[in-house]
């Protein structure tokens, strides 16, 4: 359970770092993850890095999402009515040092600052998180509070100069095994990898059911959830989350969720005006 101080920090600063892993699940999660990571490495010609996307079925990953330590934290941040969005795993073992570009998810690349703020206001009832399965994950960098405001002139200039370099006001999440950083991914953030770093970090997302934001992409490639008996096969505590996901998938398939907000979470900064 998050404290009132942690909940306030999540809302105002856009992040909180707290215990987020049931250690009783660790061996099963590592075994399941290693199998998926090996598939990615084989598909990449033996090179490390990348990610895999979890197709959620009964097993270690579903039990992780259903664990009280995860569910309670999500409900503390978003309220009682939640639907699951996605679960990926971010992989290390790159052959070189690698910095991703700074970005804020879900922003229209053609937005002016007024339109940017309108999108930001609709993206306040969601959470994304990183939960490392191995100790010493310091790959995630972010700018606290940037989820509640337009990008600053100083930040925009930094992005245009070198979108992979240090950002004014950045914080590095130094995660120990068992810790999770929960954050609003509207904030400016970046991934930085060191050569050979072993990283298998669960990367999930949820939305409040009454959120004014709908991520079109999180409703894609989930036809398996519509199979008869799927919901009943999953942990009972997780079913309310998944029922909301299934409803969202059906809305996407029916064309009721627009694609527009999925444009250019990175590229939009190049044409931002105002």
C-alpha atoms as a PDB file:
ATOM      1  CA  UNK A   1       0.000   0.000   0.000  1.00  0.00           C
ATOM      2  CA  UNK A   2       1.325   3.419  -0.940  1.00  0.00           C
ATOM      3  CA  UNK A   3       1.443   6.143   1.674  1.00  0.00           C
ATOM      4  CA  UNK A   4      -0.451   9.401   1.230  1.00  0.00           C
ATOM      5  CA  UNK A   5       2.923  11.076   0.625  1.00  0.00           C
ATOM      6  CA  UNK A   6       3.777   8.613  -2.157  1.00  0.00           C
ATOM      7  CA  UNK A   7       0.379   9.068  -3.815  1.00  0.00           C
ATOM      8  CA  UNK A   8       0.783  12.853  -3.679  1.00  0.00           C
ATOM      9  CA  UNK A   9       4.277  12.545  -5.155  1.00  0.00           C
ATOM     10  CA  UNK A  10       2.980  10.401  -8.016  1.00  0.00           C
ATOM     11  CA  UNK A  11       0.321  12.958  -8.875  1.00  0.00           C
ATOM     12  CA  UNK A  12       2.493  16.061  -8.517  1.00  0.00           C
ATOM     13  CA  UNK A  13       5.948  14.852  -9.590  1.00  0.00           C
ATOM     14  CA  UNK A  14       4.791  12.014 -11.843  1.00  0.00           C
ATOM     15  CA  UNK A  15       6.677   9.134 -10.220  1.00  0.00           C
ATOM     16  CA  UNK A  16       7.206   7.060  -7.113  1.00  0.00           C
ATOM     17  CA  UNK A  17       9.801   4.383  -6.357  1.00  0.00           C
ATOM     18  CA  UNK A  18       8.622   1.692  -3.986  1.00  0.00           C
ATOM     19  CA  UNK A  19       8.712  -2.034  -3.323  1.00  0.00           C
ATOM     20  CA  UNK A  20       6.869  -3.642  -6.214  1.00  0.00           C
ATOM     21  CA  UNK A  21       7.779  -7.318  -6.469  1.00  0.00           C
ATOM     22  CA  UNK A  22       6.607 -10.384  -4.578  1.00  0.00           C
ATOM     23  CA  UNK A  23       9.890 -12.267  -4.122  1.00  0.00           C
ATOM     24  CA  UNK A  24       7.985 -15.551  -3.985  1.00  0.00           C
ATOM     25  CA  UNK A  25       7.425 -15.099  -7.740  1.00  0.00           C
ATOM     26  CA  UNK A  26      11.002 -14.148  -8.631  1.00  0.00           C
ATOM     27  CA  UNK A  27      12.336 -17.560  -9.712  1.00  0.00           C
ATOM     28  CA  UNK A  28       9.278 -18.229 -11.871  1.00  0.00           C
ATOM     29  CA  UNK A  29       9.439 -14.766 -13.437  1.00  0.00           C
ATOM     30  CA  UNK A  30      13.123 -15.105 -14.219  1.00  0.00           C
ATOM     31  CA  UNK A  31      12.593 -18.514 -15.800  1.00  0.00           C
ATOM     32  CA  UNK A  32       9.694 -17.275 -17.914  1.00  0.00           C
ATOM     33  CA  UNK A  33      11.578 -14.134 -18.900  1.00  0.00           C
ATOM     34  CA  UNK A  34      14.781 -15.951 -19.824  1.00  0.00           C
ATOM     35  CA  UNK A  35      12.831 -18.114 -22.261  1.00  0.00           C
ATOM     36  CA  UNK A  36      11.273 -15.084 -23.948  1.00  0.00           C
ATOM     37  CA  UNK A  37      14.561 -13.145 -23.971  1.00  0.00           C
ATOM     38  CA  UNK A  38      16.308 -16.083 -25.652  1.00  0.00           C
ATOM     39  CA  UNK A  39      13.730 -15.984 -28.462  1.00  0.00           C
ATOM     40  CA  UNK A  40      14.395 -12.272 -29.020  1.00  0.00           C
ATOM     41  CA  UNK A  41      18.154 -12.820 -29.069  1.00  0.00           C
ATOM     42  CA  UNK A  42      17.827 -15.667 -31.552  1.00  0.00           C
ATOM     43  CA  UNK A  43      15.606 -13.541 -33.795  1.00  0.00           C
ATOM     44  CA  UNK A  44      18.248 -10.767 -33.625  1.00  0.00           C
ATOM     45  CA  UNK A  45      21.022 -13.045 -34.873  1.00  0.00           C
ATOM     46  CA  UNK A  46      22.454 -13.600 -31.407  1.00  0.00           C
ATOM     47  CA  UNK A  47      22.612  -9.909 -30.504  1.00  0.00           C
ATOM     48  CA  UNK A  48      21.230  -8.654 -27.209  1.00  0.00           C
ATOM     49  CA  UNK A  49      18.885  -5.759 -26.499  1.00  0.00           C
ATOM     50  CA  UNK A  50      15.329  -5.026 -27.520  1.00  0.00           C
ATOM     51  CA  UNK A  51      12.179  -6.148 -25.775  1.00  0.00           C
ATOM     52  CA  UNK A  52       9.522  -8.808 -25.811  1.00  0.00           C
ATOM     53  CA  UNK A  53       5.779  -8.304 -25.493  1.00  0.00           C
ATOM     54  CA  UNK A  54       3.890 -10.542 -23.095  1.00  0.00           C
ATOM     55  CA  UNK A  55       0.794 -12.229 -24.455  1.00  0.00           C
ATOM     56  CA  UNK A  56      -0.875 -12.603 -21.097  1.00  0.00           C
ATOM     57  CA  UNK A  57      -1.810 -16.197 -20.314  1.00  0.00           C
ATOM     58  CA  UNK A  58      -2.087 -18.157 -17.051  1.00  0.00           C
ATOM     59  CA  UNK A  59       1.369 -18.391 -15.528  1.00  0.00           C
ATOM     60  CA  UNK A  60       4.109 -16.318 -13.933  1.00  0.00           C
ATOM     61  CA  UNK A  61       3.355 -13.009 -15.666  1.00  0.00           C
ATOM     62  CA  UNK A  62      -0.362 -13.148 -14.868  1.00  0.00           C
ATOM     63  CA  UNK A  63       0.443 -14.062 -11.269  1.00  0.00           C
ATOM     64  CA  UNK A  64       2.802 -11.090 -11.093  1.00  0.00           C
ATOM     65  CA  UNK A  65       0.069  -8.674 -12.225  1.00  0.00           C
ATOM     66  CA  UNK A  66      -2.386 -10.311  -9.833  1.00  0.00           C
ATOM     67  CA  UNK A  67      -0.050 -10.075  -6.850  1.00  0.00           C
ATOM     68  CA  UNK A  68      -1.402  -7.803  -4.094  1.00  0.00           C
ATOM     69  CA  UNK A  69       1.758  -5.659  -4.040  1.00  0.00           C
ATOM     70  CA  UNK A  70       1.187  -4.678  -7.692  1.00  0.00           C
ATOM     71  CA  UNK A  71      -2.591  -4.415  -7.680  1.00  0.00           C
ATOM     72  CA  UNK A  72      -2.739  -2.334  -4.512  1.00  0.00           C
ATOM     73  CA  UNK A  73      -0.163   0.154  -5.792  1.00  0.00           C
ATOM     74  CA  UNK A  74      -2.070   0.602  -9.067  1.00  0.00           C
ATOM     75  CA  UNK A  75      -5.369   1.093  -7.261  1.00  0.00           C
ATOM     76  CA  UNK A  76      -3.765   3.584  -4.865  1.00  0.00           C
ATOM     77  CA  UNK A  77      -2.652   5.676  -7.858  1.00  0.00           C
ATOM     78  CA  UNK A  78      -5.622   5.278 -10.217  1.00  0.00           C
ATOM     79  CA  UNK A  79      -8.598   4.336  -8.044  1.00  0.00           C
ATOM     80  CA  UNK A  80     -10.753   1.196  -7.923  1.00  0.00           C
ATOM     81  CA  UNK A  81     -11.719   0.913 -11.608  1.00  0.00           C
ATOM     82  CA  UNK A  82      -8.698  -0.027 -13.730  1.00  0.00           C
ATOM     83  CA  UNK A  83      -7.963  -1.836 -16.942  1.00  0.00           C
ATOM     84  CA  UNK A  84      -4.685  -3.439 -17.935  1.00  0.00           C
ATOM     85  CA  UNK A  85      -2.879  -1.983 -20.937  1.00  0.00           C
ATOM     86  CA  UNK A  86       0.273  -3.993 -21.626  1.00  0.00           C
ATOM     87  CA  UNK A  87       3.252  -5.843 -20.207  1.00  0.00           C
ATOM     88  CA  UNK A  88       6.606  -5.882 -21.988  1.00  0.00           C
ATOM     89  CA  UNK A  89      10.105  -6.704 -20.846  1.00  0.00           C
ATOM     90  CA  UNK A  90      13.016  -4.351 -21.589  1.00  0.00           C
ATOM     91  CA  UNK A  91      16.250  -6.202 -22.345  1.00  0.00           C
ATOM     92  CA  UNK A  92      19.886  -5.227 -21.955  1.00  0.00           C
ATOM     93  CA  UNK A  93      23.066  -6.995 -23.070  1.00  0.00           C
ATOM     94  CA  UNK A  94      23.672  -4.479 -25.866  1.00  0.00           C
ATOM     95  CA  UNK A  95      26.998  -4.718 -27.703  1.00  0.00           C
ATOM     96  CA  UNK A  96      27.687  -1.023 -27.076  1.00  0.00           C
ATOM     97  CA  UNK A  97      26.617   1.863 -24.872  1.00  0.00           C
ATOM     98  CA  UNK A  98      23.263   3.085 -26.073  1.00  0.00           C
ATOM     99  CA  UNK A  99      21.046   6.062 -25.219  1.00  0.00           C
ATOM    100  CA  UNK A 100      17.490   6.286 -26.482  1.00  0.00           C
ATOM    101  CA  UNK A 101      16.055   9.674 -27.424  1.00  0.00           C
ATOM    102  CA  UNK A 102      14.219  11.703 -24.799  1.00  0.00           C
ATOM    103  CA  UNK A 103      10.486  11.624 -25.380  1.00  0.00           C
ATOM    104  CA  UNK A 104       7.046  11.912 -23.809  1.00  0.00           C
ATOM    105  CA  UNK A 105       4.572   9.261 -24.872  1.00  0.00           C
ATOM    106  CA  UNK A 106       1.405   9.895 -26.802  1.00  0.00           C
ATOM    107  CA  UNK A 107       2.087  13.429 -28.015  1.00  0.00           C
ATOM    108  CA  UNK A 108       0.878  14.648 -31.410  1.00  0.00           C
ATOM    109  CA  UNK A 109       3.894  15.719 -33.483  1.00  0.00           C
ATOM    110  CA  UNK A 110       1.908  18.624 -34.946  1.00  0.00           C
ATOM    111  CA  UNK A 111       0.717  20.065 -31.623  1.00  0.00           C
ATOM    112  CA  UNK A 112       1.186  23.661 -30.603  1.00  0.00           C
ATOM    113  CA  UNK A 113       1.505  24.339 -26.891  1.00  0.00           C
ATOM    114  CA  UNK A 114      -2.213  24.790 -26.346  1.00  0.00           C
ATOM    115  CA  UNK A 115      -2.932  21.464 -28.033  1.00  0.00           C
ATOM    116  CA  UNK A 116      -0.021  19.862 -26.160  1.00  0.00           C
ATOM    117  CA  UNK A 117      -1.560  20.903 -22.842  1.00  0.00           C
ATOM    118  CA  UNK A 118      -4.943  19.538 -23.906  1.00  0.00           C
ATOM    119  CA  UNK A 119      -3.361  16.128 -24.504  1.00  0.00           C
ATOM    120  CA  UNK A 120      -1.456  16.309 -21.220  1.00  0.00           C
ATOM    121  CA  UNK A 121      -4.672  17.020 -19.310  1.00  0.00           C
ATOM    122  CA  UNK A 122      -6.229  13.874 -20.761  1.00  0.00           C
ATOM    123  CA  UNK A 123      -3.225  11.760 -19.745  1.00  0.00           C
ATOM    124  CA  UNK A 124      -3.368  12.115 -15.952  1.00  0.00           C
ATOM    125  CA  UNK A 125      -5.173   8.850 -15.123  1.00  0.00           C
ATOM    126  CA  UNK A 126      -2.583   6.352 -16.282  1.00  0.00           C
ATOM    127  CA  UNK A 127       0.553   4.706 -14.982  1.00  0.00           C
ATOM    128  CA  UNK A 128       3.523   2.949 -16.533  1.00  0.00           C
ATOM    129  CA  UNK A 129       6.186   1.136 -14.573  1.00  0.00           C
ATOM    130  CA  UNK A 130       9.571  -0.586 -14.642  1.00  0.00           C
ATOM    131  CA  UNK A 131      10.243  -3.546 -12.338  1.00  0.00           C
ATOM    132  CA  UNK A 132      13.731  -5.110 -12.712  1.00  0.00           C
ATOM    133  CA  UNK A 133      14.189  -8.846 -12.337  1.00  0.00           C
ATOM    134  CA  UNK A 134      17.892  -8.273 -11.613  1.00  0.00           C
ATOM    135  CA  UNK A 135      19.644  -5.867  -9.265  1.00  0.00           C
ATOM    136  CA  UNK A 136      21.216  -2.593 -10.319  1.00  0.00           C
ATOM    137  CA  UNK A 137      18.913  -1.177 -12.994  1.00  0.00           C
ATOM    138  CA  UNK A 138      19.831   2.483 -13.553  1.00  0.00           C
ATOM    139  CA  UNK A 139      18.672   2.740 -17.174  1.00  0.00           C
ATOM    140  CA  UNK A 140      15.630   4.956 -16.671  1.00  0.00           C
ATOM    141  CA  UNK A 141      15.959   8.748 -16.619  1.00  0.00           C
ATOM    142  CA  UNK A 142      13.154  11.280 -16.320  1.00  0.00           C
ATOM    143  CA  UNK A 143      12.261  14.886 -15.521  1.00  0.00           C
ATOM    144  CA  UNK A 144       9.947  15.047 -12.484  1.00  0.00           C
ATOM    145  CA  UNK A 145       6.818  17.138 -12.921  1.00  0.00           C
ATOM    146  CA  UNK A 146       7.097  17.392 -16.695  1.00  0.00           C
ATOM    147  CA  UNK A 147       3.890  15.329 -17.084  1.00  0.00           C
ATOM    148  CA  UNK A 148       1.796  18.330 -16.001  1.00  0.00           C
ATOM    149  CA  UNK A 149       3.126  21.101 -18.222  1.00  0.00           C
ATOM    150  CA  UNK A 150       4.182  21.928 -21.776  1.00  0.00           C
ATOM    151  CA  UNK A 151       7.765  21.291 -22.712  1.00  0.00           C
ATOM    152  CA  UNK A 152       9.979  24.212 -21.679  1.00  0.00           C
ATOM    153  CA  UNK A 153      12.093  26.297 -24.046  1.00  0.00           C
ATOM    154  CA  UNK A 154      15.227  24.939 -22.360  1.00  0.00           C
ATOM    155  CA  UNK A 155      14.073  21.320 -22.786  1.00  0.00           C
ATOM    156  CA  UNK A 156      13.040  21.904 -26.388  1.00  0.00           C
ATOM    157  CA  UNK A 157      16.426  23.394 -27.176  1.00  0.00           C
ATOM    158  CA  UNK A 158      18.146  20.405 -25.538  1.00  0.00           C
ATOM    159  CA  UNK A 159      16.062  18.011 -27.631  1.00  0.00           C
ATOM    160  CA  UNK A 160      16.850  19.850 -30.846  1.00  0.00           C
ATOM    161  CA  UNK A 161      20.562  20.035 -30.007  1.00  0.00           C
ATOM    162  CA  UNK A 162      21.055  16.399 -28.984  1.00  0.00           C
ATOM    163  CA  UNK A 163      17.975  14.326 -28.068  1.00  0.00           C
ATOM    164  CA  UNK A 164      20.134  11.647 -26.405  1.00  0.00           C
ATOM    165  CA  UNK A 165      22.257  13.875 -24.146  1.00  0.00           C
ATOM    166  CA  UNK A 166      21.603  14.854 -20.526  1.00  0.00           C
ATOM    167  CA  UNK A 167      18.401  16.821 -19.938  1.00  0.00           C
ATOM    168  CA  UNK A 168      18.101  19.790 -17.531  1.00  0.00           C
ATOM    169  CA  UNK A 169      16.487  18.602 -14.290  1.00  0.00           C
ATOM    170  CA  UNK A 170      16.859  14.897 -15.055  1.00  0.00           C
ATOM    171  CA  UNK A 171      16.754  12.217 -12.347  1.00  0.00           C
ATOM    172  CA  UNK A 172      18.185   8.712 -12.687  1.00  0.00           C
ATOM    173  CA  UNK A 173      16.092   5.901 -11.183  1.00  0.00           C
ATOM    174  CA  UNK A 174      18.551   3.670  -9.306  1.00  0.00           C
ATOM    175  CA  UNK A 175      16.476   0.527  -8.833  1.00  0.00           C
ATOM    176  CA  UNK A 176      17.403  -2.294  -6.497  1.00  0.00           C
ATOM    177  CA  UNK A 177      15.954  -5.766  -6.950  1.00  0.00           C
ATOM    178  CA  UNK A 178      12.395  -5.649  -5.654  1.00  0.00           C
ATOM    179  CA  UNK A 179      11.873  -1.966  -6.349  1.00  0.00           C
ATOM    180  CA  UNK A 180       9.595  -0.531  -9.010  1.00  0.00           C
ATOM    181  CA  UNK A 181       9.403   2.945 -10.464  1.00  0.00           C
ATOM    182  CA  UNK A 182       5.782   3.844 -11.229  1.00  0.00           C
ATOM    183  CA  UNK A 183       5.431   6.928 -13.431  1.00  0.00           C
ATOM    184  CA  UNK A 184       3.218   8.894 -15.756  1.00  0.00           C
ATOM    185  CA  UNK A 185       4.808   8.359 -19.158  1.00  0.00           C
ATOM    186  CA  UNK A 186       3.663  11.783 -20.338  1.00  0.00           C
ATOM    187  CA  UNK A 187       6.749  13.093 -18.553  1.00  0.00           C
ATOM    188  CA  UNK A 188      10.024  13.488 -20.425  1.00  0.00           C
ATOM    189  CA  UNK A 189      11.935  10.233 -20.090  1.00  0.00           C
ATOM    190  CA  UNK A 190      14.747   8.224 -21.652  1.00  0.00           C
ATOM    191  CA  UNK A 191      16.419   4.826 -21.502  1.00  0.00           C
ATOM    192  CA  UNK A 192      20.224   4.587 -21.278  1.00  0.00           C
ATOM    193  CA  UNK A 193      22.045   1.245 -21.563  1.00  0.00           C
ATOM    194  CA  UNK A 194      25.621   0.322 -20.727  1.00  0.00           C
ATOM    195  CA  UNK A 195      27.448  -2.242 -22.825  1.00  0.00           C
ATOM    196  CA  UNK A 196      26.793  -5.807 -21.686  1.00  0.00           C
ATOM    197  CA  UNK A 197      24.416  -4.820 -18.873  1.00  0.00           C
ATOM    198  CA  UNK A 198      22.135  -7.700 -17.938  1.00  0.00           C
ATOM    199  CA  UNK A 199      18.659  -6.259 -17.915  1.00  0.00           C
ATOM    200  CA  UNK A 200      15.287  -7.944 -17.873  1.00  0.00           C
ATOM    201  CA  UNK A 201      12.885  -5.324 -16.564  1.00  0.00           C
ATOM    202  CA  UNK A 202       9.120  -5.758 -16.625  1.00  0.00           C
ATOM    203  CA  UNK A 203       7.510  -2.737 -18.248  1.00  0.00           C
ATOM    204  CA  UNK A 204       3.771  -2.462 -17.729  1.00  0.00           C
ATOM    205  CA  UNK A 205       0.917  -0.027 -18.093  1.00  0.00           C
ATOM    206  CA  UNK A 206      -2.612   0.476 -16.771  1.00  0.00           C
ATOM    207  CA  UNK A 207      -5.308   3.124 -17.135  1.00  0.00           C
ATOM    208  CA  UNK A 208      -8.228   4.187 -14.995  1.00  0.00           C
ATOM    209  CA  UNK A 209     -11.430   2.944 -16.613  1.00  0.00           C
ATOM    210  CA  UNK A 210     -12.802   6.501 -16.725  1.00  0.00           C
ATOM    211  CA  UNK A 211      -9.582   7.924 -18.157  1.00  0.00           C
ATOM    212  CA  UNK A 212     -10.007  10.554 -20.852  1.00  0.00           C
ATOM    213  CA  UNK A 213      -7.130   8.872 -22.693  1.00  0.00           C
ATOM    214  CA  UNK A 214      -7.303   5.739 -24.808  1.00  0.00           C
ATOM    215  CA  UNK A 215      -4.104   4.270 -26.213  1.00  0.00           C
ATOM    216  CA  UNK A 216      -5.025   2.728 -29.558  1.00  0.00           C
ATOM    217  CA  UNK A 217      -1.882   0.592 -29.674  1.00  0.00           C
ATOM    218  CA  UNK A 218      -2.626  -1.071 -26.328  1.00  0.00           C
ATOM    219  CA  UNK A 219      -5.767  -2.513 -27.883  1.00  0.00           C
ATOM    220  CA  UNK A 220      -3.896  -4.106 -30.773  1.00  0.00           C
ATOM    221  CA  UNK A 221      -2.644  -7.715 -31.054  1.00  0.00           C
ATOM    222  CA  UNK A 222      -4.837  -8.934 -28.228  1.00  0.00           C
ATOM    223  CA  UNK A 223      -7.252 -11.147 -30.174  1.00  0.00           C
ATOM    224  CA  UNK A 224      -6.232 -14.022 -27.899  1.00  0.00           C
ATOM    225  CA  UNK A 225      -8.083 -12.297 -25.054  1.00  0.00           C
ATOM    226  CA  UNK A 226     -11.360 -12.672 -26.957  1.00  0.00           C
ATOM    227  CA  UNK A 227     -11.157 -16.459 -27.047  1.00  0.00           C
ATOM    228  CA  UNK A 228     -13.970 -18.264 -25.168  1.00  0.00           C
ATOM    229  CA  UNK A 229     -12.953 -19.092 -21.605  1.00  0.00           C
ATOM    230  CA  UNK A 230      -9.945 -16.747 -21.572  1.00  0.00           C
ATOM    231  CA  UNK A 231     -11.142 -14.522 -18.741  1.00  0.00           C
ATOM    232  CA  UNK A 232     -12.183 -17.488 -16.599  1.00  0.00           C
ATOM    233  CA  UNK A 233      -8.711 -19.025 -16.974  1.00  0.00           C
ATOM    234  CA  UNK A 234      -6.969 -16.048 -15.378  1.00  0.00           C
ATOM    235  CA  UNK A 235      -6.428 -15.311 -11.657  1.00  0.00           C
ATOM    236  CA  UNK A 236      -9.718 -14.233 -10.125  1.00  0.00           C
ATOM    237  CA  UNK A 237      -8.357 -10.978  -8.694  1.00  0.00           C
ATOM    238  CA  UNK A 238      -7.086  -9.945 -12.139  1.00  0.00           C
ATOM    239  CA  UNK A 239     -10.328 -10.549 -14.012  1.00  0.00           C
ATOM    240  CA  UNK A 240     -11.868  -7.085 -13.410  1.00  0.00           C
ATOM    241  CA  UNK A 241      -8.761  -5.466 -14.951  1.00  0.00           C
ATOM    242  CA  UNK A 242      -8.842  -7.831 -17.918  1.00  0.00           C
ATOM    243  CA  UNK A 243     -12.587  -7.434 -18.467  1.00  0.00           C
ATOM    244  CA  UNK A 244     -11.913  -3.729 -19.017  1.00  0.00           C
ATOM    245  CA  UNK A 245      -9.095  -4.586 -21.415  1.00  0.00           C
ATOM    246  CA  UNK A 246     -11.312  -6.927 -23.393  1.00  0.00           C
ATOM    247  CA  UNK A 247     -13.942  -4.202 -23.700  1.00  0.00           C
ATOM    248  CA  UNK A 248     -11.247  -1.781 -24.914  1.00  0.00           C
ATOM    249  CA  UNK A 249      -9.967  -4.286 -27.485  1.00  0.00           C
ATOM    250  CA  UNK A 250     -13.487  -4.603 -28.857  1.00  0.00           C
ATOM    251  CA  UNK A 251     -13.769  -0.796 -29.075  1.00  0.00           C
ATOM    252  CA  UNK A 252     -10.511  -0.634 -31.046  1.00  0.00           C
ATOM    253  CA  UNK A 253     -11.664  -3.367 -33.407  1.00  0.00           C
ATOM    254  CA  UNK A 254     -14.974  -1.568 -33.908  1.00  0.00           C
ATOM    255  CA  UNK A 255     -13.154   1.644 -34.851  1.00  0.00           C
ATOM    256  CA  UNK A 256     -14.297   3.615 -31.788  1.00  0.00           C
ATOM    257  CA  UNK A 257     -10.765   4.565 -30.636  1.00  0.00           C
ATOM    258  CA  UNK A 258      -8.921   7.075 -32.794  1.00  0.00           C
ATOM    259  CA  UNK A 259      -5.301   6.693 -33.852  1.00  0.00           C
ATOM    260  CA  UNK A 260      -4.406  10.375 -33.859  1.00  0.00           C
ATOM    261  CA  UNK A 261      -2.837  10.584 -30.423  1.00  0.00           C
ATOM    262  CA  UNK A 262      -0.384   7.820 -31.293  1.00  0.00           C
ATOM    263  CA  UNK A 263       1.550  10.095 -33.647  1.00  0.00           C
ATOM    264  CA  UNK A 264       5.222  10.732 -33.005  1.00  0.00           C
ATOM    265  CA  UNK A 265       5.932  10.664 -29.284  1.00  0.00           C
ATOM    266  CA  UNK A 266       9.444  11.739 -30.231  1.00  0.00           C
ATOM    267  CA  UNK A 267       9.223  13.380 -33.647  1.00  0.00           C
ATOM    268  CA  UNK A 268       6.650  15.990 -32.616  1.00  0.00           C
ATOM    269  CA  UNK A 269       9.310  18.079 -30.836  1.00  0.00           C
ATOM    270  CA  UNK A 270      10.899  18.949 -34.140  1.00  0.00           C
ATOM    271  CA  UNK A 271       7.825  20.842 -35.299  1.00  0.00           C
ATOM    272  CA  UNK A 272       6.449  22.125 -31.995  1.00  0.00           C
ATOM    273  CA  UNK A 273       5.635  25.818 -32.213  1.00  0.00           C
ATOM    274  CA  UNK A 274       4.773  28.513 -29.702  1.00  0.00           C
END
